[in-house]
C-alpha atoms as a PDB file:
ATOM      1  CA  MET A   1      63.220 -42.735  84.322  1.00  0.00           C
ATOM      2  CA  THR A   2      62.858 -38.977  83.504  1.00  0.00           C
ATOM      3  CA  GLN A   3      66.034 -37.096  82.492  1.00  0.00           C
ATOM      4  CA  ASP A   4      66.482 -33.500  83.752  1.00  0.00           C
ATOM      5  CA  ASN A   5      67.649 -31.138  80.945  1.00  0.00           C
ATOM      6  CA  ASN A   6      68.963 -28.473  83.365  1.00  0.00           C
ATOM      7  CA  THR A   7      72.441 -29.014  84.687  1.00  0.00           C
ATOM      8  CA  GLY A   8      72.987 -27.583  88.148  1.00  0.00           C
ATOM      9  CA  ASP A   9      71.170 -24.472  89.493  1.00  0.00           C
ATOM     10  CA  GLN A  10      72.353 -21.834  86.922  1.00  0.00           C
ATOM     11  CA  PRO A  11      69.746 -20.266  84.603  1.00  0.00           C
ATOM     12  CA  PRO A  12      70.286 -20.367  80.842  1.00  0.00           C
ATOM     13  CA  PRO A  13      72.270 -17.392  79.398  1.00  0.00           C
ATOM     14  CA  GLU A  14      70.244 -14.351  78.198  1.00  0.00           C
ATOM     15  CA  PRO A  15      70.258 -13.728  74.478  1.00  0.00           C
ATOM     16  CA  PRO A  16      72.033 -10.465  73.444  1.00  0.00           C
ATOM     17  CA  LYS A  17      69.790  -7.354  73.098  1.00  0.00           C
ATOM     18  CA  ARG A  18      69.110  -6.229  69.572  1.00  0.00           C
ATOM     19  CA  GLY A  19      71.148  -3.232  68.495  1.00  0.00           C
ATOM     20  CA  SER A  20      73.411  -3.121  71.545  1.00  0.00           C
ATOM     21  CA  MET A  21      77.185  -3.180  71.349  1.00  0.00           C
ATOM     22  CA  ARG A  22      79.017  -5.209  73.896  1.00  0.00           C
ATOM     23  CA  PHE A  23      82.467  -3.804  73.004  1.00  0.00           C
ATOM     24  CA  GLN A  24      84.150  -1.500  70.463  1.00  0.00           C
ATOM     25  CA  ASP A  25      87.350  -2.127  68.762  1.00  0.00           C
ATOM     26  CA  SER A  26      89.905   0.682  69.347  1.00  0.00           C
ATOM     27  CA  ASN A  27      90.689   0.658  65.635  1.00  0.00           C
ATOM     28  CA  THR A  28      87.097   1.583  64.684  1.00  0.00           C
ATOM     29  CA  GLN A  29      86.901   4.989  62.887  1.00  0.00           C
ATOM     30  CA  PRO A  30      83.994   7.421  63.825  1.00  0.00           C
ATOM     31  CA  ARG A  31      81.336   7.892  61.188  1.00  0.00           C
ATOM     32  CA  GLU A  32      81.661  11.033  59.044  1.00  0.00           C
ATOM     33  CA  PRO A  33      78.743  13.469  59.609  1.00  0.00           C
ATOM     34  CA  SER A  34      76.266  13.581  56.806  1.00  0.00           C
ATOM     35  CA  LEU A  35      75.912  16.620  54.542  1.00  0.00           C
ATOM     36  CA  ALA A  36      72.750  17.676  56.403  1.00  0.00           C
ATOM     37  CA  GLU A  37      74.559  17.505  59.745  1.00  0.00           C
ATOM     38  CA  GLN A  38      77.507  19.507  58.428  1.00  0.00           C
ATOM     39  CA  ARG A  39      75.171  22.160  57.031  1.00  0.00           C
ATOM     40  CA  ALA A  40      73.255  22.362  60.316  1.00  0.00           C
ATOM     41  CA  ARG A  41      76.502  22.793  62.272  1.00  0.00           C
ATOM     42  CA  ARG A  42      77.698  25.572  59.948  1.00  0.00           C
ATOM     43  CA  GLN A  43      74.349  27.356  60.257  1.00  0.00           C
ATOM     44  CA  ALA A  44      74.499  27.066  64.050  1.00  0.00           C
ATOM     45  CA  VAL A  45      78.007  28.609  64.096  1.00  0.00           C
ATOM     46  CA  VAL A  46      76.935  31.446  61.768  1.00  0.00           C
ATOM     47  CA  GLN A  47      73.814  32.123  63.861  1.00  0.00           C
ATOM     48  CA  GLU A  48      75.860  32.208  67.064  1.00  0.00           C
ATOM     49  CA  GLU A  49      78.325  34.697  65.545  1.00  0.00           C
ATOM     50  CA  ARG A  50      75.409  36.841  64.301  1.00  0.00           C
ATOM     51  CA  ASP A  51      73.799  36.843  67.762  1.00  0.00           C
ATOM     52  CA  GLU A  52      77.090  37.898  69.358  1.00  0.00           C
ATOM     53  CA  GLU A  53      77.488  40.753  66.854  1.00  0.00           C
ATOM     54  CA  LEU A  54      73.919  41.953  67.448  1.00  0.00           C
ATOM     55  CA  ALA A  55      74.529  41.881  71.201  1.00  0.00           C
ATOM     56  CA  ARG A  56      77.712  43.966  70.774  1.00  0.00           C
ATOM     57  CA  GLN A  57      75.853  46.501  68.606  1.00  0.00           C
ATOM     58  CA  ALA A  58      73.027  46.742  71.166  1.00  0.00           C
ATOM     59  CA  ASP A  59      75.529  47.350  73.975  1.00  0.00           C
ATOM     60  CA  ALA A  60      77.279  50.047  71.915  1.00  0.00           C
ATOM     61  CA  LYS A  61      73.959  51.803  71.148  1.00  0.00           C
ATOM     62  CA  ALA A  62      72.934  51.674  74.799  1.00  0.00           C
ATOM     63  CA  ALA A  63      76.256  53.195  75.868  1.00  0.00           C
ATOM     64  CA  THR A  64      75.934  55.960  73.250  1.00  0.00           C
ATOM     65  CA  ARG A  65      72.350  56.663  74.343  1.00  0.00           C
ATOM     66  CA  ARG A  66      73.444  56.965  77.977  1.00  0.00           C
ATOM     67  CA  LYS A  67      76.197  59.406  77.011  1.00  0.00           C
ATOM     68  CA  ILE A  68      73.739  61.503  74.973  1.00  0.00           C
ATOM     69  CA  LEU A  69      71.217  61.584  77.810  1.00  0.00           C
ATOM     70  CA  ILE A  70      73.876  62.557  80.322  1.00  0.00           C
ATOM     71  CA  GLY A  71      75.220  65.229  77.971  1.00  0.00           C
ATOM     72  CA  SER A  72      71.719  66.553  77.320  1.00  0.00           C
ATOM     73  CA  GLY A  73      71.000  66.701  81.028  1.00  0.00           C
ATOM     74  CA  VAL A  74      74.180  68.658  81.653  1.00  0.00           C
ATOM     75  CA  THR A  75      73.417  71.011  78.750  1.00  0.00           C
ATOM     76  CA  VAL A  76      69.842  71.618  79.871  1.00  0.00           C
ATOM     77  CA  GLY A  77      71.062  72.174  83.413  1.00  0.00           C
ATOM     78  CA  LEU A  78      73.661  74.724  82.289  1.00  0.00           C
ATOM     79  CA  VAL A  79      71.202  76.520  80.013  1.00  0.00           C
ATOM     80  CA  GLY A  80      68.676  76.716  82.843  1.00  0.00           C
ATOM     81  CA  LEU A  81      71.333  77.983  85.231  1.00  0.00           C
ATOM     82  CA  VAL A  82      72.525  80.659  82.797  1.00  0.00           C
ATOM     83  CA  ALA A  83      68.951  81.715  82.002  1.00  0.00           C
ATOM     84  CA  THR A  84      68.153  81.976  85.696  1.00  0.00           C
ATOM     85  CA  PHE A  85      71.303  84.026  86.272  1.00  0.00           C
ATOM     86  CA  TYR A  86      70.428  86.511  83.542  1.00  0.00           C
ATOM     87  CA  THR A  87      66.829  86.681  84.721  1.00  0.00           C
ATOM     88  CA  VAL A  88      68.003  87.586  88.212  1.00  0.00           C
ATOM     89  CA  ALA A  89      70.948  89.774  87.205  1.00  0.00           C
ATOM     90  CA  LYS A  90      69.482  91.739  84.300  1.00  0.00           C
ATOM     91  CA  PRO A  91      67.029  94.479  85.262  1.00  0.00           C
ATOM     92  CA  ASN A  92      63.659  94.566  83.537  1.00  0.00           C
ATOM     93  CA  ASP A  93      62.739  97.605  81.446  1.00  0.00           C
ATOM     94  CA  VAL A  94      59.234  98.749  82.332  1.00  0.00           C
ATOM     95  CA  THR A  95      57.295 101.607  80.749  1.00  0.00           C
ATOM     96  CA  ALA A  96      55.232 103.755  83.101  1.00  0.00           C
ATOM     97  CA  VAL A  97      52.050 105.402  81.802  1.00  0.00           C
ATOM     98  CA  CYS A  98      50.363 108.193  83.772  1.00  0.00           C
ATOM     99  CA  THR A  99      46.596 107.660  84.163  1.00  0.00           C
ATOM    100  CA  ASP A 100      43.752 109.309  86.038  1.00  0.00           C
ATOM    101  CA  ALA A 101      41.400 107.576  88.474  1.00  0.00           C
ATOM    102  CA  SER A 102      39.389 106.184  85.542  1.00  0.00           C
ATOM    103  CA  GLY A 103      42.431 104.604  83.858  1.00  0.00           C
ATOM    104  CA  VAL A 104      42.571 107.201  81.064  1.00  0.00           C
ATOM    105  CA  VAL A 105      46.099 108.052  79.904  1.00  0.00           C
ATOM    106  CA  GLN A 106      47.219 111.573  80.937  1.00  0.00           C
ATOM    107  CA  ASN A 107      50.241 113.785  80.448  1.00  0.00           C
ATOM    108  CA  ASP A 108      53.298 112.467  82.318  1.00  0.00           C
ATOM    109  CA  ASP A 109      53.540 115.767  84.236  1.00  0.00           C
ATOM    110  CA  ASN A 110      50.426 114.868  86.217  1.00  0.00           C
ATOM    111  CA  CYS A 111      52.380 111.959  87.775  1.00  0.00           C
ATOM    112  CA  ASP A 112      55.538 114.002  88.389  1.00  0.00           C
ATOM    113  CA  GLU A 113      55.824 114.784  92.089  1.00  0.00           C
ATOM    114  CA  ASN A 114      57.783 117.980  91.468  1.00  0.00           C
ATOM    115  CA  TYR A 115      55.214 119.265  88.992  1.00  0.00           C
ATOM    116  CA  VAL A 116      52.291 118.334  91.240  1.00  0.00           C
ATOM    117  CA  THR A 117      53.695 119.941  94.401  1.00  0.00           C
ATOM    118  CA  SER A 118      54.764 123.071  92.497  1.00  0.00           C
ATOM    119  CA  HIS A 119      51.127 123.443  91.358  1.00  0.00           C
ATOM    120  CA  GLY A 120      49.625 123.139  94.801  1.00  0.00           C
ATOM    121  CA  GLY A 121      49.080 119.397  94.757  1.00  0.00           C
ATOM    122  CA  TYR A 122      50.293 116.569  96.951  1.00  0.00           C
ATOM    123  CA  HIS A 123      50.719 112.791  96.977  1.00  0.00           C
ATOM    124  CA  SER A 124      49.190 110.208  99.283  1.00  0.00           C
ATOM    125  CA  GLY A 125      48.469 106.472  99.222  1.00  0.00           C
ATOM    126  CA  GLY A 126      50.174 105.932  95.871  1.00  0.00           C
ATOM    127  CA  PHE A 127      48.241 108.734  94.152  1.00  0.00           C
ATOM    128  CA  LEU A 128      49.169 112.288  93.163  1.00  0.00           C
ATOM    129  CA  PHE A 129      46.482 114.957  93.556  1.00  0.00           C
ATOM    130  CA  LEU A 130      46.305 118.115  91.449  1.00  0.00           C
ATOM    131  CA  PRO A 131      43.875 120.910  92.366  1.00  0.00           C
ATOM    132  CA  ILE A 132      41.008 121.646  89.998  1.00  0.00           C
ATOM    133  CA  PRO A 133      40.103 125.252  89.235  1.00  0.00           C
ATOM    134  CA  GLY A 134      37.028 126.029  91.306  1.00  0.00           C
ATOM    135  CA  GLY A 135      37.850 123.478  94.027  1.00  0.00           C
ATOM    136  CA  GLY A 136      38.602 119.827  94.463  1.00  0.00           C
ATOM    137  CA  TYR A 137      41.369 117.583  93.200  1.00  0.00           C
ATOM    138  CA  ASN A 138      41.981 115.116  90.403  1.00  0.00           C
ATOM    139  CA  SER A 139      44.020 112.003  91.258  1.00  0.00           C
ATOM    140  CA  TYR A 140      46.684 110.411  89.064  1.00  0.00           C
ATOM    141  CA  ARG A 141      48.982 107.412  89.257  1.00  0.00           C
ATOM    142  CA  TYR A 142      51.302 105.334  87.107  1.00  0.00           C
ATOM    143  CA  ASN A 143      50.329 102.202  85.262  1.00  0.00           C
ATOM    144  CA  TYR A 144      53.382  99.946  84.763  1.00  0.00           C
ATOM    145  CA  GLY A 145      53.737  98.055  81.516  1.00  0.00           C
ATOM    146  CA  GLY A 146      50.534  99.328  79.929  1.00  0.00           C
ATOM    147  CA  SER A 147      50.137 101.223  76.686  1.00  0.00           C
ATOM    148  CA  GLY A 148      47.938 103.908  75.206  1.00  0.00           C
ATOM    149  CA  VAL A 149      47.795 107.524  74.083  1.00  0.00           C
ATOM    150  CA  VAL A 150      46.620 110.554  76.016  1.00  0.00           C
ATOM    151  CA  GLY A 151      42.833 110.607  76.250  1.00  0.00           C
ATOM    152  CA  GLN A 152      42.364 106.859  75.778  1.00  0.00           C
ATOM    153  CA  ARG A 153      42.051 104.142  78.394  1.00  0.00           C
ATOM    154  CA  VAL A 154      45.303 102.354  79.205  1.00  0.00           C
ATOM    155  CA  THR A 155      45.635  98.832  77.862  1.00  0.00           C
ATOM    156  CA  GLY A 156      47.249  96.117  79.957  1.00  0.00           C
ATOM    157  CA  GLY A 157      49.878  96.684  82.594  1.00  0.00           C
ATOM    158  CA  SER A 158      49.501  96.831  86.361  1.00  0.00           C
ATOM    159  CA  TYR A 159      49.250  99.499  89.031  1.00  0.00           C
ATOM    160  CA  ASP A 160      51.556  97.558  91.346  1.00  0.00           C
ATOM    161  CA  PRO A 161      55.068  99.048  91.324  1.00  0.00           C
ATOM    162  CA  PRO A 162      57.663  96.697  89.785  1.00  0.00           C
ATOM    163  CA  SER A 163      60.613  95.279  91.696  1.00  0.00           C
ATOM    164  CA  SER A 164      63.543  97.446  92.718  1.00  0.00           C
ATOM    165  CA  ARG A 165      65.653  95.808  89.970  1.00  0.00           C
ATOM    166  CA  SER A 166      63.425  97.225  87.238  1.00  0.00           C
ATOM    167  CA  ASN A 167      64.295 100.239  85.117  1.00  0.00           C
ATOM    168  CA  VAL A 168      61.081 102.257  84.990  1.00  0.00           C
ATOM    169  CA  ASN A 169      60.797 104.945  82.301  1.00  0.00           C
ATOM    170  CA  THR A 170      58.015 106.929  80.701  1.00  0.00           C
ATOM    171  CA  LYS A 171      57.440 106.762  76.956  1.00  0.00           C
ATOM    172  CA  SER A 172      59.294 110.052  76.593  1.00  0.00           C
ATOM    173  CA  GLY A 173      62.368 108.512  78.227  1.00  0.00           C
ATOM    174  CA  LYS A 174      62.083 110.025  81.718  1.00  0.00           C
ATOM    175  CA  SER A 175      63.156 107.768  84.567  1.00  0.00           C
ATOM    176  CA  VAL A 176      60.538 107.091  87.229  1.00  0.00           C
ATOM    177  CA  GLN A 177      62.029 106.691  90.662  1.00  0.00           C
ATOM    178  CA  ARG A 178      61.278 103.868  93.043  1.00  0.00           C
ATOM    179  CA  GLY A 179      57.873 104.151  94.696  1.00  0.00           C
ATOM    180  CA  GLY A 180      56.148 105.554  91.635  1.00  0.00           C
ATOM    181  CA  PHE A 181      56.764 109.222  92.360  1.00  0.00           C
ATOM    182  CA  GLY A 182      59.235 111.665  90.968  1.00  0.00           C
ATOM    183  CA  ILE A 183      60.817 111.894  87.541  1.00  0.00           C
ATOM    184  CA  SER A 184      64.507 112.458  87.025  1.00  0.00           C
ATOM    185  CA  GLY A 185      64.814 114.347  83.762  1.00  0.00           C
ATOM    186  CA  LYS A 186      66.724 112.381  81.173  1.00  0.00           C
ATOM    187  CA  SER A 187      64.854 114.411  78.604  1.00  0.00           C
ATOM    188  CA  SER A 188      62.995 117.667  79.037  1.00  0.00           C
ATOM    189  CA  GLY A 189      59.282 117.409  79.633  1.00  0.00           C
ATOM    190  CA  THR A 190      56.495 119.666  78.458  1.00  0.00           C
ATOM    191  CA  GLY A 191      55.263 121.955  81.177  1.00  0.00           C
ATOM    192  CA  GLY A 192      57.201 120.154  83.923  1.00  0.00           C
ATOM    193  CA  THR A 193      60.091 121.174  86.032  1.00  0.00           C
ATOM    194  CA  GLY A 194      62.392 118.553  84.508  1.00  0.00           C
ATOM    195  CA  GLY A 195      64.344 118.417  87.759  1.00  0.00           C
ATOM    196  CA  SER A 196      65.259 115.474  89.865  1.00  0.00           C
ATOM    197  CA  GLY A 197      62.280 114.613  91.971  1.00  0.00           C
ATOM    198  CA  LYS A 198      62.328 112.957  95.353  1.00  0.00           C
ATOM    199  CA  SER A 199      61.291 109.366  95.740  1.00  0.00           C
ATOM    200  CA  GLY A 200      57.984 109.417  97.444  1.00  0.00           C
ATOM    201  CA  GLY A 201      56.617 106.323  99.145  1.00  0.00           C
ATOM    202  CA  SER A 202      53.067 105.215  99.313  1.00  0.00           C
END
């Protein structure tokens, strides 16, 4: 007769797994970290503090940079505003040079309306015309901003009258009135009337 080794229907108990802990005594003390673990933890704390300090410094620099940029923008804006104000408010000083039709510098009297009309001349189209002995006329007009001496061609400048805000004077200091005609005598001229001329238009 064969004897059955198994009793009942229950399977045999499983052997305990290697390295597993089924329970822990409450009196068991935790293991002290090794020297390598302690050193790694200290380094991690130091690195974290260093990162926080670097982040604070970066935030402070960014805030300072923003303040500088804002301040610079305000300064540049104010400087530009002041410069624009003075450009608009302050009249320009322009020197007028009398030239003939060929652009050769002539005596200032030839561009003085009073002198021209008192010598039988006239003005028209931005030019002043003086009669020539024997017939005909020579034409003269101001060059604004140019330079040169009598008998030489004018250098630079323009024949367009400057704005009404400009102070236009000849090299001798006479004030040229608006429109390019007439000289009000701040200083006496040679051979001219030296009076206050009318402002002739072109």
